[in-house]
Amino acid sequence: MKKYILMSIIALAIGVINIFAQDIPQSQVPSLVLNSFQQKYPKAYDVEWELKGDLYKVEFEKSLLGDDVEVWFDKSGKVVRSKEEISKSELPKAVLDKIDAEFKASIIKDVEKFNENGTISYKVEIKTIREEWDVLFDEKGNILSKKLD
């Protein structure tokens, strides 16, 4: 019963968030935001904009390999947070060392890099022989959270 109530609350919250988030054409993005985006990501393509509350969220591809990026800007054009798919080779050595130590004989499946107001973290999908984990690391290789998938 508790799971049902929790799932209902989550579904309601997602619905409310989607009501307040709306796709917008690039012509409705303030010039400060658009200029900041174009300077930081001049090679972006397949660009889609959303207005979420008072933040402008842009989703785009940064390469032909389909590396997805999401960036949230405030009205002044400052990046508030971002999320991007990266390759294993882009992980800091400290994170790779921690994965080797904690997850023997593992395979790194997907990696995402997060930047929240200058704080960098990495979400790594790790597959071992028996389990699959979603692990969040800081730049120094410390595990911030670990969830069995």
C-alpha atoms as a PDB file:
ATOM      1  CA  MET A   1       0.000   0.000   0.000  1.00  0.00           C
ATOM      2  CA  LYS A   2       2.826   2.382   0.871  1.00  0.00           C
ATOM      3  CA  LYS A   3       4.457   1.693  -2.504  1.00  0.00           C
ATOM      4  CA  TYR A   4       1.187   2.512  -4.280  1.00  0.00           C
ATOM      5  CA  ILE A   5       0.853   5.817  -2.438  1.00  0.00           C
ATOM      6  CA  LEU A   6       4.494   6.693  -3.095  1.00  0.00           C
ATOM      7  CA  MET A   7       4.164   5.831  -6.793  1.00  0.00           C
ATOM      8  CA  SER A   8       0.998   7.967  -7.017  1.00  0.00           C
ATOM      9  CA  ILE A   9       2.774  10.927  -5.427  1.00  0.00           C
ATOM     10  CA  ILE A  10       5.736  10.567  -7.804  1.00  0.00           C
ATOM     11  CA  ALA A  11       3.439  10.344 -10.838  1.00  0.00           C
ATOM     12  CA  LEU A  12       1.562  13.440  -9.686  1.00  0.00           C
ATOM     13  CA  ALA A  13       4.803  15.375  -9.135  1.00  0.00           C
ATOM     14  CA  ILE A  14       6.068  14.467 -12.606  1.00  0.00           C
ATOM     15  CA  GLY A  15       2.774  15.558 -14.104  1.00  0.00           C
ATOM     16  CA  VAL A  16       2.896  18.917 -12.302  1.00  0.00           C
ATOM     17  CA  ILE A  17       6.508  19.508 -13.401  1.00  0.00           C
ATOM     18  CA  ASN A  18       5.582  18.767 -17.019  1.00  0.00           C
ATOM     19  CA  ILE A  19       2.686  21.219 -16.850  1.00  0.00           C
ATOM     20  CA  PHE A  20       5.063  24.029 -15.872  1.00  0.00           C
ATOM     21  CA  ALA A  21       7.795  23.037 -18.347  1.00  0.00           C
ATOM     22  CA  GLN A  22       7.099  24.045 -21.889  1.00  0.00           C
ATOM     23  CA  ASP A  23       8.937  23.750 -25.166  1.00  0.00           C
ATOM     24  CA  ILE A  24       9.720  27.137 -26.648  1.00  0.00           C
ATOM     25  CA  PRO A  25      11.111  28.211 -30.015  1.00  0.00           C
ATOM     26  CA  GLN A  26      14.624  29.617 -30.060  1.00  0.00           C
ATOM     27  CA  SER A  27      13.161  33.014 -31.003  1.00  0.00           C
ATOM     28  CA  GLN A  28      11.651  33.231 -27.486  1.00  0.00           C
ATOM     29  CA  VAL A  29      14.971  32.608 -25.728  1.00  0.00           C
ATOM     30  CA  PRO A  30      16.448  35.860 -24.325  1.00  0.00           C
ATOM     31  CA  SER A  31      19.485  37.101 -26.242  1.00  0.00           C
ATOM     32  CA  LEU A  32      21.724  36.904 -23.131  1.00  0.00           C
ATOM     33  CA  VAL A  33      20.892  33.204 -22.788  1.00  0.00           C
ATOM     34  CA  LEU A  34      21.179  32.473 -26.496  1.00  0.00           C
ATOM     35  CA  ASN A  35      24.516  34.292 -26.845  1.00  0.00           C
ATOM     36  CA  SER A  36      25.947  32.491 -23.819  1.00  0.00           C
ATOM     37  CA  PHE A  37      24.820  29.144 -25.234  1.00  0.00           C
ATOM     38  CA  GLN A  38      26.252  29.829 -28.690  1.00  0.00           C
ATOM     39  CA  GLN A  39      29.609  30.930 -27.242  1.00  0.00           C
ATOM     40  CA  LYS A  40      29.912  27.857 -25.017  1.00  0.00           C
ATOM     41  CA  TYR A  41      28.619  25.335 -27.574  1.00  0.00           C
ATOM     42  CA  PRO A  42      29.217  26.668 -31.102  1.00  0.00           C
ATOM     43  CA  LYS A  43      29.020  23.212 -32.693  1.00  0.00           C
ATOM     44  CA  ALA A  44      25.753  22.144 -31.036  1.00  0.00           C
ATOM     45  CA  TYR A  45      23.056  20.699 -33.232  1.00  0.00           C
ATOM     46  CA  ASP A  46      19.570  19.222 -32.860  1.00  0.00           C
ATOM     47  CA  VAL A  47      18.889  21.996 -30.335  1.00  0.00           C
ATOM     48  CA  GLU A  48      15.641  22.060 -28.336  1.00  0.00           C
ATOM     49  CA  TRP A  49      14.670  24.686 -25.766  1.00  0.00           C
ATOM     50  CA  GLU A  50      12.345  24.492 -22.756  1.00  0.00           C
ATOM     51  CA  LEU A  51      11.329  27.016 -20.166  1.00  0.00           C
ATOM     52  CA  LYS A  52      11.233  25.398 -16.705  1.00  0.00           C
ATOM     53  CA  GLY A  53      10.136  27.904 -14.125  1.00  0.00           C
ATOM     54  CA  ASP A  54      12.594  30.767 -14.546  1.00  0.00           C
ATOM     55  CA  LEU A  55      15.336  28.600 -16.093  1.00  0.00           C
ATOM     56  CA  TYR A  56      15.999  27.959 -19.771  1.00  0.00           C
ATOM     57  CA  LYS A  57      16.878  24.346 -20.445  1.00  0.00           C
ATOM     58  CA  VAL A  58      18.522  23.447 -23.720  1.00  0.00           C
ATOM     59  CA  GLU A  59      19.022  19.887 -24.954  1.00  0.00           C
ATOM     60  CA  PHE A  60      21.354  19.209 -27.856  1.00  0.00           C
ATOM     61  CA  GLU A  61      23.862  16.844 -29.398  1.00  0.00           C
ATOM     62  CA  LYS A  62      27.555  17.695 -29.184  1.00  0.00           C
ATOM     63  CA  SER A  63      28.825  15.128 -31.698  1.00  0.00           C
ATOM     64  CA  LEU A  64      27.709  12.809 -34.450  1.00  0.00           C
ATOM     65  CA  LEU A  65      28.009   9.945 -31.961  1.00  0.00           C
ATOM     66  CA  GLY A  66      24.884  11.223 -30.255  1.00  0.00           C
ATOM     67  CA  ASP A  67      26.446  12.621 -27.078  1.00  0.00           C
ATOM     68  CA  ASP A  68      23.452  14.239 -25.381  1.00  0.00           C
ATOM     69  CA  VAL A  69      23.874  17.416 -23.354  1.00  0.00           C
ATOM     70  CA  GLU A  70      21.421  19.324 -21.172  1.00  0.00           C
ATOM     71  CA  VAL A  71      22.245  22.789 -19.871  1.00  0.00           C
ATOM     72  CA  TRP A  72      20.137  25.057 -17.655  1.00  0.00           C
ATOM     73  CA  PHE A  73      20.670  28.828 -17.906  1.00  0.00           C
ATOM     74  CA  ASP A  74      19.287  31.584 -15.727  1.00  0.00           C
ATOM     75  CA  LYS A  75      17.852  34.728 -17.345  1.00  0.00           C
ATOM     76  CA  SER A  76      21.262  36.421 -17.326  1.00  0.00           C
ATOM     77  CA  GLY A  77      22.843  33.624 -19.392  1.00  0.00           C
ATOM     78  CA  LYS A  78      24.749  32.034 -16.493  1.00  0.00           C
ATOM     79  CA  VAL A  79      24.944  28.236 -16.538  1.00  0.00           C
ATOM     80  CA  VAL A  80      23.207  26.919 -13.424  1.00  0.00           C
ATOM     81  CA  ARG A  81      23.681  23.199 -14.092  1.00  0.00           C
ATOM     82  CA  SER A  82      24.496  20.789 -16.864  1.00  0.00           C
ATOM     83  CA  LYS A  83      24.458  17.099 -17.652  1.00  0.00           C
ATOM     84  CA  GLU A  84      26.323  15.454 -20.490  1.00  0.00           C
ATOM     85  CA  GLU A  85      27.167  11.997 -21.689  1.00  0.00           C
ATOM     86  CA  ILE A  86      30.912  11.392 -21.705  1.00  0.00           C
ATOM     87  CA  SER A  87      33.188   8.475 -22.478  1.00  0.00           C
ATOM     88  CA  LYS A  88      34.937   6.307 -19.905  1.00  0.00           C
ATOM     89  CA  SER A  89      38.260   7.861 -20.960  1.00  0.00           C
ATOM     90  CA  GLU A  90      37.013  11.281 -19.775  1.00  0.00           C
ATOM     91  CA  LEU A  91      36.551  10.091 -16.175  1.00  0.00           C
ATOM     92  CA  PRO A  92      39.124  11.362 -13.675  1.00  0.00           C
ATOM     93  CA  LYS A  93      41.808   8.839 -12.699  1.00  0.00           C
ATOM     94  CA  ALA A  94      40.549   8.901  -9.091  1.00  0.00           C
ATOM     95  CA  VAL A  95      37.108   7.718 -10.218  1.00  0.00           C
ATOM     96  CA  LEU A  96      38.575   4.971 -12.408  1.00  0.00           C
ATOM     97  CA  ASP A  97      40.814   3.832  -9.535  1.00  0.00           C
ATOM     98  CA  LYS A  98      37.825   3.670  -7.161  1.00  0.00           C
ATOM     99  CA  ILE A  99      35.829   1.630  -9.688  1.00  0.00           C
ATOM    100  CA  ASP A 100      38.743  -0.815 -10.050  1.00  0.00           C
ATOM    101  CA  ALA A 101      39.008  -1.148  -6.262  1.00  0.00           C
ATOM    102  CA  GLU A 102      35.286  -1.419  -5.435  1.00  0.00           C
ATOM    103  CA  PHE A 103      33.882  -3.262  -8.470  1.00  0.00           C
ATOM    104  CA  LYS A 104      36.195  -6.115  -9.435  1.00  0.00           C
ATOM    105  CA  ALA A 105      35.860  -7.456 -13.003  1.00  0.00           C
ATOM    106  CA  SER A 106      33.377  -4.752 -13.945  1.00  0.00           C
ATOM    107  CA  ILE A 107      32.338  -3.073 -17.166  1.00  0.00           C
ATOM    108  CA  ILE A 108      31.497   0.619 -17.370  1.00  0.00           C
ATOM    109  CA  LYS A 109      28.377   0.955 -19.501  1.00  0.00           C
ATOM    110  CA  ASP A 110      27.368   4.627 -19.453  1.00  0.00           C
ATOM    111  CA  VAL A 111      28.864   7.762 -17.946  1.00  0.00           C
ATOM    112  CA  GLU A 112      27.260  11.139 -17.306  1.00  0.00           C
ATOM    113  CA  LYS A 113      29.002  14.254 -16.026  1.00  0.00           C
ATOM    114  CA  PHE A 114      27.013  16.692 -13.887  1.00  0.00           C
ATOM    115  CA  ASN A 115      27.905  20.273 -13.037  1.00  0.00           C
ATOM    116  CA  GLU A 116      25.739  21.907 -10.381  1.00  0.00           C
ATOM    117  CA  ASN A 117      26.914  25.474  -9.713  1.00  0.00           C
ATOM    118  CA  GLY A 118      30.538  24.455 -10.242  1.00  0.00           C
ATOM    119  CA  THR A 119      30.358  21.161  -8.323  1.00  0.00           C
ATOM    120  CA  ILE A 120      31.250  18.280 -10.643  1.00  0.00           C
ATOM    121  CA  SER A 121      29.985  14.720 -10.186  1.00  0.00           C
ATOM    122  CA  TYR A 122      29.853  11.603 -12.339  1.00  0.00           C
ATOM    123  CA  LYS A 123      27.088   9.033 -12.614  1.00  0.00           C
ATOM    124  CA  VAL A 124      28.494   5.723 -13.819  1.00  0.00           C
ATOM    125  CA  GLU A 125      26.551   2.595 -14.783  1.00  0.00           C
ATOM    126  CA  ILE A 126      28.708  -0.333 -13.724  1.00  0.00           C
ATOM    127  CA  LYS A 127      28.003  -3.946 -14.614  1.00  0.00           C
ATOM    128  CA  THR A 128      29.611  -6.768 -12.677  1.00  0.00           C
ATOM    129  CA  ILE A 129      29.122 -10.481 -13.239  1.00  0.00           C
ATOM    130  CA  ARG A 130      26.072 -10.573 -10.965  1.00  0.00           C
ATOM    131  CA  GLU A 131      24.839  -7.002 -10.604  1.00  0.00           C
ATOM    132  CA  GLU A 132      24.358  -3.661 -12.267  1.00  0.00           C
ATOM    133  CA  TRP A 133      24.956  -0.455 -10.293  1.00  0.00           C
ATOM    134  CA  ASP A 134      24.292   3.261 -10.727  1.00  0.00           C
ATOM    135  CA  VAL A 135      27.077   4.979  -8.777  1.00  0.00           C
ATOM    136  CA  LEU A 136      27.552   8.702  -8.243  1.00  0.00           C
ATOM    137  CA  PHE A 137      31.143   9.882  -7.685  1.00  0.00           C
ATOM    138  CA  ASP A 138      32.684  13.237  -6.897  1.00  0.00           C
ATOM    139  CA  GLU A 139      35.817  14.380  -8.751  1.00  0.00           C
ATOM    140  CA  LYS A 140      38.074  12.819  -6.118  1.00  0.00           C
ATOM    141  CA  GLY A 141      36.590   9.342  -6.580  1.00  0.00           C
ATOM    142  CA  ASN A 142      34.472   9.386  -3.435  1.00  0.00           C
ATOM    143  CA  ILE A 143      31.193   7.489  -3.763  1.00  0.00           C
ATOM    144  CA  LEU A 144      28.298   9.878  -3.119  1.00  0.00           C
ATOM    145  CA  SER A 145      25.561   7.303  -3.732  1.00  0.00           C
ATOM    146  CA  LYS A 146      25.299   3.733  -4.921  1.00  0.00           C
ATOM    147  CA  LYS A 147      22.113   2.118  -6.162  1.00  0.00           C
ATOM    148  CA  LEU A 148      21.578  -1.432  -7.333  1.00  0.00           C
ATOM    149  CA  ASP A 149      19.804  -1.238 -10.679  1.00  0.00           C
END
